[in-house]
Protein backbone atom coordinates (compact mmCIF):
# COMPACT_ATOMS: atom_id res chain seq x y z
CA MET A 1 101.44 165.83 310.08
CA ASN A 2 98.51 164.74 307.95
CA LYS A 3 98.14 168.16 306.29
CA TRP A 4 101.03 170.55 305.31
CA ARG A 5 101.72 173.20 302.75
CA ALA A 6 104.12 173.02 299.76
CA THR A 7 105.20 176.12 297.74
CA CYS A 8 107.09 176.17 294.50
CA ILE A 9 110.00 178.78 294.31
CA GLN A 10 109.62 179.81 290.62
CA MET A 11 112.72 181.87 290.38
CA THR A 12 115.02 183.47 287.70
CA SER A 13 118.40 181.57 287.12
CA ASP A 14 121.38 183.28 285.68
CA LEU A 15 123.71 181.20 283.57
CA ALA A 16 127.10 180.31 284.86
CA ALA A 17 128.02 178.87 281.47
CA LEU A 18 128.12 182.58 280.15
CA SER A 19 131.11 183.54 282.12
CA ASP A 20 134.57 182.98 280.80
CA ASP A 21 136.09 181.40 283.91
CA ARG A 22 135.52 179.79 287.21
CA GLU A 23 135.60 182.97 289.28
CA GLY A 24 132.98 184.71 287.11
CA ALA A 25 130.89 181.59 287.14
CA TRP A 26 130.84 181.45 290.87
CA LYS A 27 129.74 184.97 291.12
CA ILE A 28 126.79 184.07 289.14
CA ILE A 29 126.09 180.97 291.10
CA ASP A 30 126.45 182.95 294.46
CA GLY A 31 123.89 185.38 293.09
CA ASN A 32 121.41 182.70 292.22
CA ILE A 33 121.76 181.27 295.70
CA ALA A 34 121.25 184.66 297.27
CA ARG A 35 118.16 185.00 295.18
CA ALA A 36 116.81 181.67 296.28
CA VAL A 37 117.42 182.42 299.87
CA ARG A 38 115.60 185.77 299.63
CA LEU A 39 112.57 184.20 297.86
CA ILE A 40 112.40 181.35 300.47
CA ASP A 41 112.36 183.90 303.19
CA ARG A 42 109.60 185.78 301.48
CA ALA A 43 107.50 182.50 301.00
CA CYS A 44 108.00 181.92 304.82
CA ALA A 45 106.95 185.50 305.84
CA GLY A 46 103.31 184.92 306.32
CA ALA A 47 102.50 182.73 309.34
CA ALA A 48 99.13 181.50 307.92
CA SER A 49 100.68 180.54 304.55
CA LYS A 50 104.10 179.42 305.68
CA PRO A 51 105.13 176.28 303.84
CA GLN A 52 106.68 173.24 305.60
CA LEU A 53 108.43 172.39 302.32
CA VAL A 54 109.59 174.51 299.25
CA VAL A 55 110.79 173.21 295.94
CA LEU A 56 113.56 175.03 293.84
CA PRO A 57 113.82 174.61 290.01
CA GLU A 58 116.22 172.24 288.22
CA PHE A 59 119.91 173.59 287.99
CA ALA A 60 118.55 177.08 289.29
CA MET A 61 121.95 177.81 290.83
CA GLN A 62 124.15 177.03 287.93
CA GLY A 63 122.25 176.70 284.78
CA PRO A 64 123.37 174.01 282.23
CA PRO A 65 126.83 173.63 280.68
CA HIS A 66 125.90 174.93 277.16
CA GLY A 67 128.44 172.86 275.21
CA ALA A 68 131.26 172.55 277.93
CA THR A 69 133.00 169.25 277.96
CA ILE A 70 132.54 167.14 281.24
CA GLY A 71 136.02 168.30 282.52
CA GLN A 72 135.37 171.87 281.71
CA TRP A 73 131.90 171.96 283.53
CA ILE A 74 133.42 170.23 286.52
CA GLU A 75 136.21 172.72 286.79
CA LYS A 76 133.90 175.71 286.23
CA ALA A 77 130.75 175.21 288.06
CA CYS A 78 130.24 171.87 289.87
CA ALA A 79 130.21 171.23 293.59
CA PRO A 80 129.81 168.34 295.99
CA ILE A 81 126.63 167.65 298.15
CA PRO A 82 126.87 168.95 300.84
CA GLY A 83 129.02 171.81 299.67
CA PRO A 84 129.03 175.60 298.89
CA ILE A 85 125.67 175.42 297.06
CA THR A 86 123.73 173.64 299.63
CA LYS A 87 125.39 175.34 302.68
CA PRO A 88 123.33 178.56 302.54
CA LEU A 89 120.13 176.54 301.79
CA GLN A 90 120.99 174.34 304.85
CA GLU A 91 121.20 177.45 306.95
CA VAL A 92 117.86 178.79 305.84
CA ALA A 93 116.21 175.52 306.28
CA ARG A 94 117.37 175.58 309.85
CA ARG A 95 116.41 179.19 310.52
CA GLN A 96 112.97 178.76 308.95
CA GLY A 97 112.34 175.23 310.19
CA ILE A 98 111.37 173.85 306.85
CA PHE A 99 112.35 171.29 304.19
CA ILE A 100 114.01 172.62 301.11
CA ALA A 101 114.20 170.58 297.81
CA GLY A 102 116.71 171.58 295.24
CA ASN A 103 119.04 170.59 292.35
CA GLN A 104 122.51 171.12 291.32
CA PHE A 105 125.29 169.70 289.11
CA GLU A 106 127.20 167.67 291.56
CA ILE A 107 130.66 166.07 291.84
CA ASP A 108 131.76 163.28 294.19
CA ALA A 109 135.24 162.43 295.05
CA LYS A 110 134.17 158.62 294.91
CA TRP A 111 133.53 159.08 291.20
CA PRO A 112 136.20 161.28 289.70
CA GLY A 113 135.68 162.63 286.26
CA ARG A 114 131.96 162.52 286.26
CA PHE A 115 129.28 165.09 287.31
CA PHE A 116 125.57 164.35 288.11
CA ASN A 117 122.46 166.22 287.73
CA ALA A 118 121.43 165.64 291.38
CA CYS A 119 118.34 166.40 293.36
CA PHE A 120 118.63 166.98 297.12
CA LEU A 121 116.28 167.41 300.09
CA ILE A 122 117.24 169.33 303.28
CA ASP A 123 115.37 168.78 306.51
CA PRO A 124 114.46 171.41 309.10
CA SER A 125 117.48 170.52 311.08
CA GLY A 126 119.65 171.50 308.04
CA GLU A 127 120.69 167.92 307.27
CA ILE A 128 120.57 166.56 303.64
CA ILE A 129 118.36 163.53 303.93
CA LEU A 130 117.99 162.56 300.20
CA ARG A 131 120.07 162.74 297.14
CA PHE A 132 118.81 161.56 293.70
CA ARG A 133 121.23 161.46 290.71
CA ARG A 134 119.21 161.63 287.59
CA ILE A 135 119.26 158.33 285.68
CA ASN A 136 117.83 159.31 282.30
CA THR A 137 119.93 161.93 280.85
CA ALA A 138 120.27 162.95 277.17
CA VAL A 139 124.00 164.06 277.05
CA TRP A 140 125.31 164.07 280.57
CA PRO A 141 126.77 161.44 282.86
CA SER A 142 124.42 158.99 284.45
CA PRO A 143 124.77 156.28 287.14
CA HIS A 144 123.61 154.03 284.37
CA ASP A 145 126.71 154.66 282.54
CA PHE A 146 128.60 152.57 285.28
CA MET A 147 125.67 150.79 286.72
CA ASP A 148 127.41 147.87 288.07
CA ALA A 149 129.88 149.81 290.03
CA TYR A 150 127.32 152.35 291.16
CA ILE A 151 124.90 149.72 292.28
CA ALA A 152 127.60 147.83 294.17
CA GLU A 153 128.24 151.13 296.10
CA GLU A 154 124.82 152.58 296.46
CA GLY A 155 122.40 149.68 296.11
CA PHE A 156 119.24 149.95 294.07
CA GLU A 157 117.56 151.49 296.89
CA GLY A 158 120.21 154.27 296.95
CA ALA A 159 119.86 154.70 293.30
CA PHE A 160 116.12 155.30 293.74
CA PRO A 161 115.99 156.91 297.31
CA VAL A 162 112.64 157.52 299.11
CA VAL A 163 112.87 159.07 302.58
CA ASP A 164 110.39 158.82 305.54
CA THR A 165 109.78 162.00 306.99
CA GLU A 166 107.05 163.88 309.21
CA LEU A 167 105.55 165.03 305.86
CA GLY A 168 105.22 161.52 304.59
CA ARG A 169 107.40 159.40 302.28
CA LEU A 170 109.27 161.72 299.81
CA ALA A 171 111.00 161.22 296.53
CA MET A 172 112.68 163.48 293.95
CA MET A 173 113.21 163.44 290.18
CA ALA A 174 114.34 166.25 287.72
CA CYS A 175 112.69 167.76 284.70
CA GLY A 176 112.40 165.34 281.78
CA GLU A 177 112.47 162.12 284.00
CA ILE A 178 108.71 163.03 284.68
CA ALA A 179 108.16 161.60 281.15
CA ILE A 180 109.88 158.26 282.03
CA PRO A 181 107.00 156.16 283.65
CA GLU A 182 109.44 153.82 285.33
CA VAL A 183 111.18 156.32 287.50
CA ALA A 184 107.92 157.37 289.26
CA ARG A 185 106.80 153.84 289.20
CA VAL A 186 109.74 152.65 291.13
CA PHE A 187 109.43 155.53 293.74
CA MET A 188 105.75 154.52 294.24
CA MET A 189 106.73 150.90 294.61
CA ARG A 190 109.12 152.09 297.44
CA GLY A 191 106.35 153.74 299.14
CA ALA A 192 106.68 157.38 297.90
CA GLU A 193 103.66 159.50 298.61
CA VAL A 194 104.95 162.82 297.29
CA ILE A 195 107.30 163.38 294.32
CA LEU A 196 109.25 166.70 294.37
CA HIS A 197 110.05 167.73 290.77
CA PRO A 198 112.53 170.45 290.12
CA THR A 199 112.41 171.22 286.45
CA ASN A 200 113.72 173.80 283.87
CA GLU A 201 111.64 173.31 280.76
CA GLU A 202 109.85 175.21 277.97
CA ARG A 203 106.18 174.70 277.37
CA SER A 204 105.53 171.14 276.12
CA ALA A 205 102.17 169.41 276.01
CA ALA A 206 104.16 165.99 276.57
CA GLN A 207 105.60 167.31 279.87
CA GLU A 208 102.42 168.73 281.26
CA ALA A 209 100.49 165.61 280.46
CA ALA A 210 103.30 163.44 282.12
CA LYS A 211 102.84 165.37 285.39
CA VAL A 212 99.14 164.51 285.41
CA ALA A 213 99.71 161.05 284.35
CA ARG A 214 102.49 160.19 286.95
CA ALA A 215 100.40 161.67 289.79
CA ALA A 216 97.36 159.78 289.00
CA GLU A 217 98.76 156.44 287.91
CA ASN A 218 100.85 156.23 291.04
CA MET A 219 98.53 157.93 293.40
CA VAL A 220 101.16 160.47 294.43
CA TYR A 221 101.30 164.15 294.85
CA VAL A 222 103.49 165.94 292.44
CA VAL A 223 105.18 169.43 293.35
CA SER A 224 106.76 170.70 290.22
CA ALA A 225 108.79 173.96 290.42
CA ASN A 226 109.92 175.42 287.08
CA VAL A 227 112.38 178.30 286.44
CA ALA A 228 111.13 181.72 285.92
CA ASN A 229 111.78 183.85 282.81
CA GLY A 230 114.24 182.36 280.42
CA ILE A 231 114.87 178.47 280.78
CA GLY A 232 118.50 177.19 281.18
CA PHE A 233 118.95 176.03 277.62
CA SER A 234 117.98 179.56 276.24
CA LYS A 235 121.07 181.72 276.28
CA ASP A 236 119.28 184.90 275.46
CA GLY A 237 116.41 184.15 277.63
CA SER A 238 113.75 184.14 274.84
CA VAL A 239 112.44 180.69 275.55
CA LEU A 240 110.33 181.03 278.72
CA GLY A 241 109.69 178.77 281.73
CA GLY A 242 106.90 179.16 284.18
CA ARG A 243 103.85 176.82 284.68
CA SER A 244 104.92 175.60 288.10
CA HIS A 245 102.29 173.03 289.13
CA ILE A 246 101.18 171.20 292.15
CA LEU A 247 98.88 168.20 291.56
CA ASP A 248 97.13 165.74 293.92
CA TYR A 249 97.02 161.89 293.77
CA ARG A 250 94.16 161.99 291.18
CA GLY A 251 96.16 164.23 288.90
CA CYS A 252 93.92 167.25 289.74
CA THR A 253 95.52 170.73 289.95
CA LEU A 254 95.80 172.30 293.37
CA ALA A 255 98.03 175.17 292.31
CA PHE A 256 99.24 176.51 288.89
CA GLU A 257 100.88 179.41 287.35
CA GLU A 258 100.66 179.86 283.62
CA GLY A 259 103.06 182.96 283.52
CA ALA A 260 106.88 182.82 283.55
CA GLY A 261 107.52 185.56 286.08
CA GLU A 262 109.04 185.06 289.55
CA THR A 263 106.32 183.95 291.87
CA LEU A 264 105.64 182.28 295.19
CA ALA A 265 101.89 181.81 294.31
CA VAL A 266 102.11 178.12 293.38
CA SER A 267 101.40 176.81 296.87
CA ALA A 268 98.95 174.17 298.16
CA GLU A 269 98.00 171.90 301.07
CA ILE A 270 99.14 168.27 300.86
CA ASP A 271 96.59 166.09 302.44
CA LEU A 272 98.40 162.65 303.46
CA GLN A 273 95.31 161.26 305.26
CA ARG A 274 93.19 161.48 302.14
CA LEU A 275 95.92 159.92 299.98
CA ARG A 276 96.31 157.06 302.48
CA GLU A 277 92.59 156.49 302.60
CA ALA A 278 92.50 156.38 298.73
CA ARG A 279 95.33 153.96 298.58
CA ASN A 280 93.42 151.64 300.96
CA ASP A 281 90.12 151.96 299.16
CA ILE A 282 88.74 148.62 297.62
CA GLY A 283 86.72 150.34 294.99
CA ILE A 284 87.58 150.82 291.26
CA ALA A 285 89.15 154.33 291.93
CA ASN A 286 92.30 152.78 293.35
CA PRO A 287 94.47 151.81 290.38
CA LEU A 288 97.31 150.53 292.59
CA ALA A 289 95.23 147.77 294.31
CA ARG A 290 94.02 146.60 290.82
CA ALA A 291 97.31 146.78 288.93
CA ARG A 292 98.14 143.25 287.47
CA TRP A 293 101.95 143.61 287.62
CA ASP A 294 102.81 139.96 287.06
CA MET A 295 101.55 140.05 283.59
CA TYR A 296 104.10 142.74 282.62
CA ARG A 297 107.32 141.34 284.20
CA PRO A 298 108.38 139.00 281.32
CA PHE A 299 108.34 141.91 278.98
CA TYR A 300 110.45 144.08 281.20
CA ALA A 301 112.90 141.24 281.79
CA ALA A 302 113.32 140.80 277.93
CA ALA A 303 113.37 144.54 277.26
CA VAL A 304 116.24 146.27 275.32
CA GLY A 305 117.37 149.79 275.05
CA TYR A 306 120.16 152.06 276.01
CA PRO A 307 122.91 149.72 277.27
CA PRO A 308 124.41 150.12 280.76
CA ASN A 309 128.00 150.35 281.80
CA ARG A 310 129.39 152.07 278.54
CA PHE A 311 131.51 154.30 280.75
CA LEU A 312 132.16 151.79 283.39
CA ASP A 313 136.01 152.18 283.52
CA THR A 314 136.47 155.45 281.75
CA PRO A 315 134.06 158.46 282.36
CA MET A 316 132.24 160.12 279.55
CA THR A 317 134.26 163.14 278.27
CA ASN A 318 131.77 165.01 276.07
CA ALA A 319 128.27 164.62 274.80
CA ASP A 320 129.43 163.27 271.40
CA ALA A 321 130.42 160.07 273.04
CA THR A 322 126.80 159.09 273.53
CA ILE A 323 126.08 159.15 269.75
CA PRO A 324 127.24 155.70 268.95
CA ILE A 325 125.45 154.34 271.99
CA VAL A 326 122.12 155.84 271.07
CA ARG A 327 122.67 154.30 267.58
CA GLU A 328 123.31 150.89 269.19
CA ALA A 329 120.12 151.34 271.21
CA ILE A 330 118.00 152.24 268.17
CA ASP A 331 119.42 149.10 266.43
CA ALA A 332 118.42 146.98 269.44
CA LEU A 333 114.87 148.55 269.32
CA SER A 334 114.69 147.77 265.57
CA ARG A 335 115.53 144.11 266.19
CA ALA A 336 112.80 143.97 268.83
CA GLY A 337 110.30 145.35 266.26
CA ILE A 338 109.93 148.69 268.19
CA CYS A 339 111.72 150.88 265.71
CA ARG A 340 110.86 150.19 262.07
CA PRO A 341 112.54 151.55 258.99
């Protein structure tokens, strides 16, 4: 399928954290899931414009923890993949015959005491074919926190999954990871042609620029679906989302919505044939063929920063546990001459 349509489901997300207990939280979560299903069905209603793939916003089903400890949030709102959040989406994927990309706070019995900000991709048969757990998190658990154990179980390929589908080679990342060049770069190195980007963000010049840069520098399509109305971190809904965006492999806009209302209008055709021809071009417009990676490897090998494995044996319990680790990272950056007093 050289050409296919992607649609961003820019939807409102109610906050499970505002409920006092698990029962109330799951009423909110179930309402968000039902809203997502309705909007997906609406997006698929027109035969001529029916997408082959839709992308939902970051933590659209639960909202963020809003100060809950790790244990409190696990008890209140987290779920496995597959599980009660993905099940209705798997059903609609089968019924509509489409791919659905989403995001949720996930728990896994293999890693007790931890949750993950996880992206998932459902194929038209209803199977979950990709799961990416966010690496770069500010205050939540990350596979990097227990990297040695996680890589031993999942491998580096499992930590940065790319899946080969009839739509091409697809990868996923959430929200602020678009601003980390290495994440998209690794996905491109693993063959990704389209990066699906569930996000939940307020207006930011840096974030908007990052979407353009990641698309152009890696020659990938980026399909970025943001939340409608209030973002997850805004308890009163006054800080708005919007600006869902689809970009081509040159960083050019294919579809964009400036407003923060619910919309299905951010929809565009993905042309794999053109991307593949561009990646094989011998001219100066092909940055991948002309990248001199060998010159950079020594600097990455010697790089310092946020240290791994600081929660290898004992999971993080709350966000404050990251403060001394961040200070340690800044000290290391200072010694390297990057952060100066």
